[in-house]
Amino acid sequence: MADHLKLSFVSFKKDSYIVVEGKQNADRFFIIHQGKVIISKEVEVVAEEGGNTLGPGDFFGVVSTMSSHSHIETARALTDVVLISVLKEQYGGLIQKNTPVAMKIILQFSKRLRYLDEALSRLTLKSTGEADCSHLFFVGEHYIRQSRYNQAYYSYSRYIEYCPMGDHVNTARERMAKIAIYVKEVRTDFGPDEFNRVYPKDAMLFAEGEPGNELFIIQKGSVTISKIVDNNEVLLAVLKVGDIFGEMALLEAKPRVASAVAYEECQVLAVNRTNFERMVSTQPQLIAKLTTLLS
């Protein structure tokens, strides 16, 4: 892999510092070829799955490199190590020539973001963490109190679909019947091969707690991303043309961690898992952008 991409091998002796937290101008990241590396941070925001010891095939320094940020962690050689050095401008070539490496990097980023989301939700939003399908009913309850009937109707319908034996199914059906006359008809039954989709203003693309198997790329218009916490809606972002969202649910096959609503009429490109894996090898520039976004 390294020779084909003209990447370089670098060696470090046991106990050597490879990168140091806070050092500026990160221009490359590393993939471990041989040996073990330990990663540490001055302040641990969230514990990493599998601990902080990395081995062959693992990587570090991607976040700092792809986001043009100073190093956010310190890496020290636990043993003598041989590393593959990847410059930022070489990342596109790495994606094209070694799809499994790119997928591993993106999946690891997605997991880190989910851990961060859950930890920061507990600390700052006082949320208990990951939502599930039962949460859809309470999302609907919030929106109906705000007279936002399109979002309420969508959330109730998804609750009934994904939690057919849930405690609030009858109540959800009653709520839907009452507000049906106020709801604008919006198509939600897109097939897996319908990638180009148009959503009118205020239409819900997906709701917090809903299972997800697609990510979206905005081609026209804008989309808001928000969470319902303690009966309050917290606006997380307003996304515009070229932005990507929904990737965590797609990559990990877990419930959506936030809701997406069309801020204005928008056109999006929907990408499912099968097409995403194909895209990794055929559209490296898009995957590089996703990596930068995740960073």
C-alpha atoms as a PDB file:
ATOM      1  CA  MET A   1       0.000   0.000   0.000  1.00  0.00           C
ATOM      2  CA  ALA A   2       2.655   2.501   1.034  1.00  0.00           C
ATOM      3  CA  ASP A   3       4.843   1.913  -2.022  1.00  0.00           C
ATOM      4  CA  HIS A   4       1.931   2.137  -4.456  1.00  0.00           C
ATOM      5  CA  LEU A   5       0.800   5.443  -2.985  1.00  0.00           C
ATOM      6  CA  LYS A   6       4.377   6.663  -2.485  1.00  0.00           C
ATOM      7  CA  LEU A   7       3.772   7.035   1.223  1.00  0.00           C
ATOM      8  CA  SER A   8       6.725   6.911   3.598  1.00  0.00           C
ATOM      9  CA  PHE A   9       7.578   4.622   6.496  1.00  0.00           C
ATOM     10  CA  VAL A  10       8.908   6.234   9.677  1.00  0.00           C
ATOM     11  CA  SER A  11      10.321   4.477  12.742  1.00  0.00           C
ATOM     12  CA  PHE A  12      10.298   5.445  16.414  1.00  0.00           C
ATOM     13  CA  LYS A  13      12.053   3.789  19.330  1.00  0.00           C
ATOM     14  CA  LYS A  14      10.194   2.649  22.431  1.00  0.00           C
ATOM     15  CA  ASP A  15       9.089   5.578  24.680  1.00  0.00           C
ATOM     16  CA  SER A  16       9.604   8.144  21.902  1.00  0.00           C
ATOM     17  CA  TYR A  17       7.005  10.897  21.518  1.00  0.00           C
ATOM     18  CA  ILE A  18       5.538  10.856  18.015  1.00  0.00           C
ATOM     19  CA  VAL A  19       3.158  13.813  18.286  1.00  0.00           C
ATOM     20  CA  VAL A  20       2.532  16.128  21.226  1.00  0.00           C
ATOM     21  CA  GLU A  21      -0.824  17.665  22.160  1.00  0.00           C
ATOM     22  CA  GLY A  22      -1.011  21.361  21.335  1.00  0.00           C
ATOM     23  CA  LYS A  23       1.696  21.335  18.667  1.00  0.00           C
ATOM     24  CA  GLN A  24       0.559  23.393  15.703  1.00  0.00           C
ATOM     25  CA  ASN A  25       0.555  22.781  11.964  1.00  0.00           C
ATOM     26  CA  ALA A  26      -0.479  19.135  11.855  1.00  0.00           C
ATOM     27  CA  ASP A  27       0.135  18.196   8.219  1.00  0.00           C
ATOM     28  CA  ARG A  28       0.062  14.387   8.358  1.00  0.00           C
ATOM     29  CA  PHE A  29      -1.463  11.470  10.188  1.00  0.00           C
ATOM     30  CA  PHE A  30      -0.094   8.001  10.867  1.00  0.00           C
ATOM     31  CA  ILE A  31      -1.186   4.404  10.341  1.00  0.00           C
ATOM     32  CA  ILE A  32       0.580   1.865  12.561  1.00  0.00           C
ATOM     33  CA  HIS A  33       2.444  -0.772  10.540  1.00  0.00           C
ATOM     34  CA  GLN A  34       4.282  -2.485  13.404  1.00  0.00           C
ATOM     35  CA  GLY A  35       4.298  -2.073  17.172  1.00  0.00           C
ATOM     36  CA  LYS A  36       2.043  -0.336  19.682  1.00  0.00           C
ATOM     37  CA  VAL A  37       1.286   3.322  20.426  1.00  0.00           C
ATOM     38  CA  ILE A  38      -0.467   4.857  23.430  1.00  0.00           C
ATOM     39  CA  ILE A  39      -2.659   7.950  23.006  1.00  0.00           C
ATOM     40  CA  SER A  40      -3.279  10.427  25.828  1.00  0.00           C
ATOM     41  CA  LYS A  41      -4.983  13.799  26.298  1.00  0.00           C
ATOM     42  CA  GLU A  42      -4.557  16.416  28.987  1.00  0.00           C
ATOM     43  CA  VAL A  43      -8.319  16.353  29.517  1.00  0.00           C
ATOM     44  CA  GLU A  44     -10.349  13.274  28.579  1.00  0.00           C
ATOM     45  CA  VAL A  45     -13.800  14.360  27.394  1.00  0.00           C
ATOM     46  CA  VAL A  46     -15.000  10.833  26.762  1.00  0.00           C
ATOM     47  CA  ALA A  47     -13.448   7.390  27.122  1.00  0.00           C
ATOM     48  CA  GLU A  48     -12.498   5.772  23.845  1.00  0.00           C
ATOM     49  CA  GLU A  49     -13.886   2.333  23.013  1.00  0.00           C
ATOM     50  CA  GLY A  50     -11.135  -0.271  23.262  1.00  0.00           C
ATOM     51  CA  GLY A  51      -8.912   2.008  25.361  1.00  0.00           C
ATOM     52  CA  ASN A  52      -6.055   4.259  24.273  1.00  0.00           C
ATOM     53  CA  THR A  53      -3.552   1.613  23.137  1.00  0.00           C
ATOM     54  CA  LEU A  54      -3.314   1.283  19.354  1.00  0.00           C
ATOM     55  CA  GLY A  55      -1.796  -1.499  17.249  1.00  0.00           C
ATOM     56  CA  PRO A  56      -1.155  -2.421  13.610  1.00  0.00           C
ATOM     57  CA  GLY A  57      -3.845  -1.056  11.301  1.00  0.00           C
ATOM     58  CA  ASP A  58      -4.933   1.639  13.751  1.00  0.00           C
ATOM     59  CA  PHE A  59      -4.377   5.331  13.032  1.00  0.00           C
ATOM     60  CA  PHE A  60      -3.963   8.614  14.865  1.00  0.00           C
ATOM     61  CA  GLY A  61      -3.636  12.304  14.035  1.00  0.00           C
ATOM     62  CA  VAL A  62      -6.410  12.308  11.409  1.00  0.00           C
ATOM     63  CA  VAL A  63      -8.630  14.817  13.222  1.00  0.00           C
ATOM     64  CA  SER A  64      -5.869  17.390  13.555  1.00  0.00           C
ATOM     65  CA  THR A  65      -4.596  16.873  10.020  1.00  0.00           C
ATOM     66  CA  MET A  66      -7.920  16.958   8.169  1.00  0.00           C
ATOM     67  CA  SER A  67      -9.297  19.892  10.199  1.00  0.00           C
ATOM     68  CA  SER A  68      -6.019  21.896   9.974  1.00  0.00           C
ATOM     69  CA  HIS A  69      -6.018  22.059  13.765  1.00  0.00           C
ATOM     70  CA  SER A  70      -3.207  21.756  16.251  1.00  0.00           C
ATOM     71  CA  HIS A  71      -2.651  18.246  17.640  1.00  0.00           C
ATOM     72  CA  ILE A  72      -5.427  17.260  20.060  1.00  0.00           C
ATOM     73  CA  GLU A  73      -3.584  14.296  21.603  1.00  0.00           C
ATOM     74  CA  THR A  74      -0.151  13.002  22.482  1.00  0.00           C
ATOM     75  CA  ALA A  75       1.102   9.775  20.894  1.00  0.00           C
ATOM     76  CA  ARG A  76       3.974   7.821  22.475  1.00  0.00           C
ATOM     77  CA  ALA A  77       5.582   4.591  21.271  1.00  0.00           C
ATOM     78  CA  LEU A  78       4.939   1.729  23.715  1.00  0.00           C
ATOM     79  CA  THR A  79       7.296  -0.448  21.709  1.00  0.00           C
ATOM     80  CA  ASP A  80       9.598   0.153  18.785  1.00  0.00           C
ATOM     81  CA  VAL A  81       7.161   1.134  16.027  1.00  0.00           C
ATOM     82  CA  VAL A  82       7.024   1.506  12.270  1.00  0.00           C
ATOM     83  CA  LEU A  83       4.392   3.938  11.015  1.00  0.00           C
ATOM     84  CA  ILE A  84       3.015   4.884   7.602  1.00  0.00           C
ATOM     85  CA  SER A  85       3.010   8.665   7.242  1.00  0.00           C
ATOM     86  CA  VAL A  86       0.091  10.126   5.240  1.00  0.00           C
ATOM     87  CA  LEU A  87       0.181  13.793   4.226  1.00  0.00           C
ATOM     88  CA  LYS A  88      -3.135  15.641   4.068  1.00  0.00           C
ATOM     89  CA  GLU A  89      -2.932  15.989   0.282  1.00  0.00           C
ATOM     90  CA  GLN A  90      -2.368  12.218  -0.042  1.00  0.00           C
ATOM     91  CA  TYR A  91      -5.629  11.293   1.669  1.00  0.00           C
ATOM     92  CA  GLY A  92      -7.661  11.249  -1.569  1.00  0.00           C
ATOM     93  CA  GLY A  93      -5.206   8.779  -3.098  1.00  0.00           C
ATOM     94  CA  LEU A  94      -5.336   6.632   0.016  1.00  0.00           C
ATOM     95  CA  ILE A  95      -9.125   6.437  -0.292  1.00  0.00           C
ATOM     96  CA  GLN A  96      -8.962   5.441  -3.951  1.00  0.00           C
ATOM     97  CA  LYS A  97      -6.331   2.750  -3.456  1.00  0.00           C
ATOM     98  CA  ASN A  98      -7.348   1.355  -0.085  1.00  0.00           C
ATOM     99  CA  THR A  99     -11.077   1.539   0.577  1.00  0.00           C
ATOM    100  CA  PRO A 100     -10.955  -0.540   3.822  1.00  0.00           C
ATOM    101  CA  VAL A 101      -8.601   1.995   5.418  1.00  0.00           C
ATOM    102  CA  ALA A 102     -10.904   4.884   4.492  1.00  0.00           C
ATOM    103  CA  MET A 103     -13.944   3.001   5.847  1.00  0.00           C
ATOM    104  CA  LYS A 104     -12.135   2.254   9.100  1.00  0.00           C
ATOM    105  CA  ILE A 105     -11.225   5.920   9.556  1.00  0.00           C
ATOM    106  CA  ILE A 106     -14.765   7.114   8.849  1.00  0.00           C
ATOM    107  CA  LEU A 107     -16.381   4.470  11.080  1.00  0.00           C
ATOM    108  CA  GLN A 108     -14.025   5.335  13.931  1.00  0.00           C
ATOM    109  CA  PHE A 109     -14.876   9.014  13.532  1.00  0.00           C
ATOM    110  CA  SER A 110     -18.574   8.236  13.627  1.00  0.00           C
ATOM    111  CA  LYS A 111     -18.193   6.258  16.857  1.00  0.00           C
ATOM    112  CA  ARG A 112     -16.171   9.050  18.440  1.00  0.00           C
ATOM    113  CA  LEU A 113     -18.825  11.589  17.505  1.00  0.00           C
ATOM    114  CA  ARG A 114     -21.574   9.420  18.981  1.00  0.00           C
ATOM    115  CA  TYR A 115     -19.631   9.033  22.242  1.00  0.00           C
ATOM    116  CA  LEU A 116     -19.050  12.783  22.328  1.00  0.00           C
ATOM    117  CA  ASP A 117     -22.699  13.513  21.571  1.00  0.00           C
ATOM    118  CA  GLU A 118     -23.849  11.269  24.419  1.00  0.00           C
ATOM    119  CA  ALA A 119     -21.271  12.621  26.886  1.00  0.00           C
ATOM    120  CA  LEU A 120     -21.906  16.278  26.073  1.00  0.00           C
ATOM    121  CA  SER A 121     -25.674  15.739  26.109  1.00  0.00           C
ATOM    122  CA  ARG A 122     -25.382  14.402  29.644  1.00  0.00           C
ATOM    123  CA  LEU A 123     -23.085  17.222  30.758  1.00  0.00           C
ATOM    124  CA  THR A 124     -24.606  20.256  29.070  1.00  0.00           C
ATOM    125  CA  LEU A 125     -28.101  19.286  27.925  1.00  0.00           C
ATOM    126  CA  LYS A 126     -28.837  16.973  30.889  1.00  0.00           C
ATOM    127  CA  SER A 127     -29.928  14.280  28.486  1.00  0.00           C
ATOM    128  CA  THR A 128     -29.608  10.602  29.385  1.00  0.00           C
ATOM    129  CA  GLY A 129     -27.885   9.673  26.120  1.00  0.00           C
ATOM    130  CA  GLU A 130     -28.942   7.682  23.095  1.00  0.00           C
ATOM    131  CA  ALA A 131     -32.590   7.907  22.059  1.00  0.00           C
ATOM    132  CA  ASP A 132     -34.657   4.951  20.849  1.00  0.00           C
ATOM    133  CA  CYS A 133     -37.948   4.568  18.985  1.00  0.00           C
ATOM    134  CA  SER A 134     -40.033   5.303  22.108  1.00  0.00           C
ATOM    135  CA  HIS A 135     -38.519   8.783  22.136  1.00  0.00           C
ATOM    136  CA  LEU A 136     -40.348   9.532  18.887  1.00  0.00           C
ATOM    137  CA  PHE A 137     -43.629   9.866  20.787  1.00  0.00           C
ATOM    138  CA  PHE A 138     -42.174  12.563  23.061  1.00  0.00           C
ATOM    139  CA  VAL A 139     -40.715  14.378  20.061  1.00  0.00           C
ATOM    140  CA  GLY A 140     -44.240  14.430  18.624  1.00  0.00           C
ATOM    141  CA  GLU A 141     -45.618  15.704  21.943  1.00  0.00           C
ATOM    142  CA  HIS A 142     -43.177  18.596  21.914  1.00  0.00           C
ATOM    143  CA  TYR A 143     -44.055  19.638  18.381  1.00  0.00           C
ATOM    144  CA  ILE A 144     -47.807  19.414  18.912  1.00  0.00           C
ATOM    145  CA  ARG A 145     -47.510  21.764  21.893  1.00  0.00           C
ATOM    146  CA  GLN A 146     -45.696  24.175  19.585  1.00  0.00           C
ATOM    147  CA  SER A 147     -48.471  23.817  16.954  1.00  0.00           C
ATOM    148  CA  ARG A 148     -45.869  22.479  14.534  1.00  0.00           C
ATOM    149  CA  TYR A 149     -48.211  19.901  13.129  1.00  0.00           C
ATOM    150  CA  ASN A 150     -46.100  18.653  10.227  1.00  0.00           C
ATOM    151  CA  GLN A 151     -43.273  17.609  12.533  1.00  0.00           C
ATOM    152  CA  ALA A 152     -45.674  16.237  15.156  1.00  0.00           C
ATOM    153  CA  TYR A 153     -47.541  14.134  12.610  1.00  0.00           C
ATOM    154  CA  TYR A 154     -44.302  12.750  11.188  1.00  0.00           C
ATOM    155  CA  SER A 155     -42.942  11.861  14.649  1.00  0.00           C
ATOM    156  CA  TYR A 156     -46.159  10.132  15.734  1.00  0.00           C
ATOM    157  CA  SER A 157     -46.335   8.152  12.498  1.00  0.00           C
ATOM    158  CA  ARG A 158     -42.742   6.974  12.898  1.00  0.00           C
ATOM    159  CA  TYR A 159     -43.421   6.055  16.520  1.00  0.00           C
ATOM    160  CA  ILE A 160     -46.336   3.860  15.457  1.00  0.00           C
ATOM    161  CA  GLU A 161     -44.253   2.319  12.673  1.00  0.00           C
ATOM    162  CA  TYR A 162     -41.212   1.481  14.770  1.00  0.00           C
ATOM    163  CA  CYS A 163     -42.904   0.884  18.157  1.00  0.00           C
ATOM    164  CA  PRO A 164     -46.189  -0.834  17.175  1.00  0.00           C
ATOM    165  CA  MET A 165     -46.550  -2.301  20.674  1.00  0.00           C
ATOM    166  CA  GLY A 166     -45.542   0.896  22.455  1.00  0.00           C
ATOM    167  CA  ASP A 167     -47.425   2.265  25.451  1.00  0.00           C
ATOM    168  CA  HIS A 168     -48.544   5.409  23.612  1.00  0.00           C
ATOM    169  CA  VAL A 169     -49.638   3.999  20.238  1.00  0.00           C
ATOM    170  CA  ASN A 170     -53.359   4.683  20.792  1.00  0.00           C
ATOM    171  CA  THR A 171     -52.625   8.218  21.991  1.00  0.00           C
ATOM    172  CA  ALA A 172     -50.404   8.832  18.978  1.00  0.00           C
ATOM    173  CA  ARG A 173     -53.192   7.700  16.631  1.00  0.00           C
ATOM    174  CA  GLU A 174     -55.670  10.015  18.359  1.00  0.00           C
ATOM    175  CA  ARG A 175     -53.264  12.957  18.073  1.00  0.00           C
ATOM    176  CA  MET A 176     -52.707  12.262  14.366  1.00  0.00           C
ATOM    177  CA  ALA A 177     -56.444  12.142  13.684  1.00  0.00           C
ATOM    178  CA  LYS A 178     -56.958  15.531  15.382  1.00  0.00           C
ATOM    179  CA  ILE A 179     -54.202  17.367  13.550  1.00  0.00           C
ATOM    180  CA  ALA A 180     -54.515  15.671  10.147  1.00  0.00           C
ATOM    181  CA  ILE A 181     -56.465  18.600   8.653  1.00  0.00           C
ATOM    182  CA  TYR A 182     -53.580  20.965   9.460  1.00  0.00           C
ATOM    183  CA  VAL A 183     -50.853  18.792   7.990  1.00  0.00           C
ATOM    184  CA  LYS A 184     -49.436  19.446   4.535  1.00  0.00           C
ATOM    185  CA  GLU A 185     -49.103  16.318   2.482  1.00  0.00           C
ATOM    186  CA  VAL A 186     -45.423  15.440   2.213  1.00  0.00           C
ATOM    187  CA  ARG A 187     -44.049  12.374   0.518  1.00  0.00           C
ATOM    188  CA  THR A 188     -42.004  10.152   2.849  1.00  0.00           C
ATOM    189  CA  ASP A 189     -42.164   6.756   1.113  1.00  0.00           C
ATOM    190  CA  PHE A 190     -39.073   7.131  -1.060  1.00  0.00           C
ATOM    191  CA  GLY A 191     -37.722   3.908  -2.506  1.00  0.00           C
ATOM    192  CA  PRO A 192     -34.104   2.780  -2.009  1.00  0.00           C
ATOM    193  CA  ASP A 193     -33.265   3.751  -5.596  1.00  0.00           C
ATOM    194  CA  GLU A 194     -34.754   7.253  -5.359  1.00  0.00           C
ATOM    195  CA  PHE A 195     -31.680   9.253  -4.484  1.00  0.00           C
ATOM    196  CA  ASN A 196     -32.738  12.764  -5.499  1.00  0.00           C
ATOM    197  CA  ARG A 197     -35.440  14.059  -3.178  1.00  0.00           C
ATOM    198  CA  VAL A 198     -37.240  17.357  -2.688  1.00  0.00           C
ATOM    199  CA  TYR A 199     -38.719  18.419   0.660  1.00  0.00           C
ATOM    200  CA  PRO A 200     -40.956  21.488   1.140  1.00  0.00           C
ATOM    201  CA  LYS A 201     -40.333  24.009   3.911  1.00  0.00           C
ATOM    202  CA  ASP A 202     -40.973  22.581   7.422  1.00  0.00           C
ATOM    203  CA  ALA A 203     -40.966  18.966   6.194  1.00  0.00           C
ATOM    204  CA  MET A 204     -39.178  16.533   8.491  1.00  0.00           C
ATOM    205  CA  LEU A 205     -36.451  14.468   6.842  1.00  0.00           C
ATOM    206  CA  PHE A 206     -35.986  12.311   9.925  1.00  0.00           C
ATOM    207  CA  ALA A 207     -36.722  12.451  13.642  1.00  0.00           C
ATOM    208  CA  GLU A 208     -34.574  11.920  16.704  1.00  0.00           C
ATOM    209  CA  GLY A 209     -34.789   8.272  17.785  1.00  0.00           C
ATOM    210  CA  GLU A 210     -35.752   7.008  14.328  1.00  0.00           C
ATOM    211  CA  PRO A 211     -33.655   4.204  12.785  1.00  0.00           C
ATOM    212  CA  GLY A 212     -31.530   5.503   9.933  1.00  0.00           C
ATOM    213  CA  ASN A 213     -29.948   3.903   6.884  1.00  0.00           C
ATOM    214  CA  GLU A 214     -29.102   6.941   4.743  1.00  0.00           C
ATOM    215  CA  LEU A 215     -26.971  10.038   4.848  1.00  0.00           C
ATOM    216  CA  PHE A 216     -27.897  13.215   2.971  1.00  0.00           C
ATOM    217  CA  ILE A 217     -26.020  15.796   0.927  1.00  0.00           C
ATOM    218  CA  ILE A 218     -27.779  19.148   0.475  1.00  0.00           C
ATOM    219  CA  GLN A 219     -27.949  20.228  -3.165  1.00  0.00           C
ATOM    220  CA  LYS A 220     -30.348  23.148  -2.740  1.00  0.00           C
ATOM    221  CA  GLY A 221     -31.876  24.963   0.248  1.00  0.00           C
ATOM    222  CA  SER A 222     -31.085  24.480   3.938  1.00  0.00           C
ATOM    223  CA  VAL A 223     -31.859  22.103   6.815  1.00  0.00           C
ATOM    224  CA  THR A 224     -31.957  22.575  10.590  1.00  0.00           C
ATOM    225  CA  ILE A 225     -30.574  19.941  12.984  1.00  0.00           C
ATOM    226  CA  SER A 226     -32.009  19.924  16.510  1.00  0.00           C
ATOM    227  CA  LYS A 227     -32.586  17.832  19.639  1.00  0.00           C
ATOM    228  CA  ILE A 228     -35.494  17.739  22.097  1.00  0.00           C
ATOM    229  CA  VAL A 229     -34.115  17.908  25.642  1.00  0.00           C
ATOM    230  CA  ASP A 230     -36.281  18.376  28.749  1.00  0.00           C
ATOM    231  CA  ASN A 231     -39.200  19.534  26.590  1.00  0.00           C
ATOM    232  CA  ASN A 232     -37.056  22.166  24.886  1.00  0.00           C
ATOM    233  CA  GLU A 233     -35.771  22.172  21.327  1.00  0.00           C
ATOM    234  CA  VAL A 234     -32.033  22.784  21.087  1.00  0.00           C
ATOM    235  CA  LEU A 235     -30.876  24.011  17.676  1.00  0.00           C
ATOM    236  CA  LEU A 236     -27.554  22.373  16.827  1.00  0.00           C
ATOM    237  CA  ALA A 237     -26.913  23.616  13.293  1.00  0.00           C
ATOM    238  CA  VAL A 238     -28.342  25.152  10.133  1.00  0.00           C
ATOM    239  CA  LEU A 239     -26.848  23.271   7.186  1.00  0.00           C
ATOM    240  CA  LYS A 240     -26.557  24.639   3.653  1.00  0.00           C
ATOM    241  CA  VAL A 241     -25.664  23.524   0.132  1.00  0.00           C
ATOM    242  CA  GLY A 242     -22.844  20.982   0.097  1.00  0.00           C
ATOM    243  CA  ASP A 243     -23.229  19.997   3.739  1.00  0.00           C
ATOM    244  CA  ILE A 244     -23.541  16.339   4.728  1.00  0.00           C
ATOM    245  CA  PHE A 245     -25.675  15.010   7.582  1.00  0.00           C
ATOM    246  CA  GLY A 246     -27.120  11.761   8.900  1.00  0.00           C
ATOM    247  CA  GLU A 247     -23.840   9.872   8.526  1.00  0.00           C
ATOM    248  CA  MET A 248     -23.665   8.490  12.078  1.00  0.00           C
ATOM    249  CA  ALA A 249     -26.912   6.530  11.803  1.00  0.00           C
ATOM    250  CA  LEU A 250     -25.926   5.219   8.374  1.00  0.00           C
ATOM    251  CA  LEU A 251     -22.467   4.075   9.378  1.00  0.00           C
ATOM    252  CA  GLU A 252     -23.402   2.489  12.699  1.00  0.00           C
ATOM    253  CA  ALA A 253     -26.982   1.368  12.015  1.00  0.00           C
ATOM    254  CA  LYS A 254     -28.153   3.111  15.201  1.00  0.00           C
ATOM    255  CA  PRO A 255     -31.031   5.542  15.886  1.00  0.00           C
ATOM    256  CA  ARG A 256     -30.803   9.152  14.762  1.00  0.00           C
ATOM    257  CA  VAL A 257     -29.306  11.346  17.492  1.00  0.00           C
ATOM    258  CA  ALA A 258     -31.110  14.495  16.276  1.00  0.00           C
ATOM    259  CA  SER A 259     -33.940  15.629  14.010  1.00  0.00           C
ATOM    260  CA  ALA A 260     -33.595  17.192  10.550  1.00  0.00           C
ATOM    261  CA  VAL A 261     -36.212  19.643   9.227  1.00  0.00           C
ATOM    262  CA  ALA A 262     -36.272  21.575   5.954  1.00  0.00           C
ATOM    263  CA  TYR A 263     -35.651  25.216   6.896  1.00  0.00           C
ATOM    264  CA  GLU A 264     -36.729  26.123   3.371  1.00  0.00           C
ATOM    265  CA  GLU A 265     -37.588  23.993   0.380  1.00  0.00           C
ATOM    266  CA  CYS A 266     -34.584  21.796  -0.160  1.00  0.00           C
ATOM    267  CA  GLN A 267     -33.239  19.209  -2.547  1.00  0.00           C
ATOM    268  CA  VAL A 268     -31.016  16.487  -1.153  1.00  0.00           C
ATOM    269  CA  LEU A 269     -29.084  13.500  -2.421  1.00  0.00           C
ATOM    270  CA  ALA A 270     -29.775  10.413  -0.278  1.00  0.00           C
ATOM    271  CA  VAL A 271     -26.976   7.858   0.018  1.00  0.00           C
ATOM    272  CA  ASN A 272     -27.615   4.408   1.484  1.00  0.00           C
ATOM    273  CA  ARG A 273     -24.973   2.011   2.850  1.00  0.00           C
ATOM    274  CA  THR A 274     -24.464   0.127  -0.413  1.00  0.00           C
ATOM    275  CA  ASN A 275     -23.976   3.304  -2.418  1.00  0.00           C
ATOM    276  CA  PHE A 276     -21.813   4.841   0.287  1.00  0.00           C
ATOM    277  CA  GLU A 277     -19.319   1.969   0.164  1.00  0.00           C
ATOM    278  CA  ARG A 278     -19.214   2.322  -3.620  1.00  0.00           C
ATOM    279  CA  MET A 279     -18.766   6.076  -3.275  1.00  0.00           C
ATOM    280  CA  VAL A 280     -15.724   5.608  -1.040  1.00  0.00           C
ATOM    281  CA  SER A 281     -13.761   4.143  -3.948  1.00  0.00           C
ATOM    282  CA  THR A 282     -15.293   6.146  -6.826  1.00  0.00           C
ATOM    283  CA  GLN A 283     -15.640   9.646  -5.346  1.00  0.00           C
ATOM    284  CA  PRO A 284     -12.647  10.189  -3.054  1.00  0.00           C
ATOM    285  CA  GLN A 285     -13.134  13.974  -3.047  1.00  0.00           C
ATOM    286  CA  LEU A 286     -16.568  13.575  -1.441  1.00  0.00           C
ATOM    287  CA  ILE A 287     -15.264  11.142   1.161  1.00  0.00           C
ATOM    288  CA  ALA A 288     -12.373  13.495   1.891  1.00  0.00           C
ATOM    289  CA  LYS A 289     -14.944  16.232   2.514  1.00  0.00           C
ATOM    290  CA  LEU A 290     -16.888  13.945   4.840  1.00  0.00           C
ATOM    291  CA  THR A 291     -13.698  13.150   6.744  1.00  0.00           C
ATOM    292  CA  THR A 292     -12.947  16.854   7.082  1.00  0.00           C
ATOM    293  CA  LEU A 293     -16.510  17.457   8.286  1.00  0.00           C
ATOM    294  CA  LEU A 294     -16.219  14.696  10.885  1.00  0.00           C
ATOM    295  CA  SER A 295     -12.843  16.070  11.968  1.00  0.00           C
END
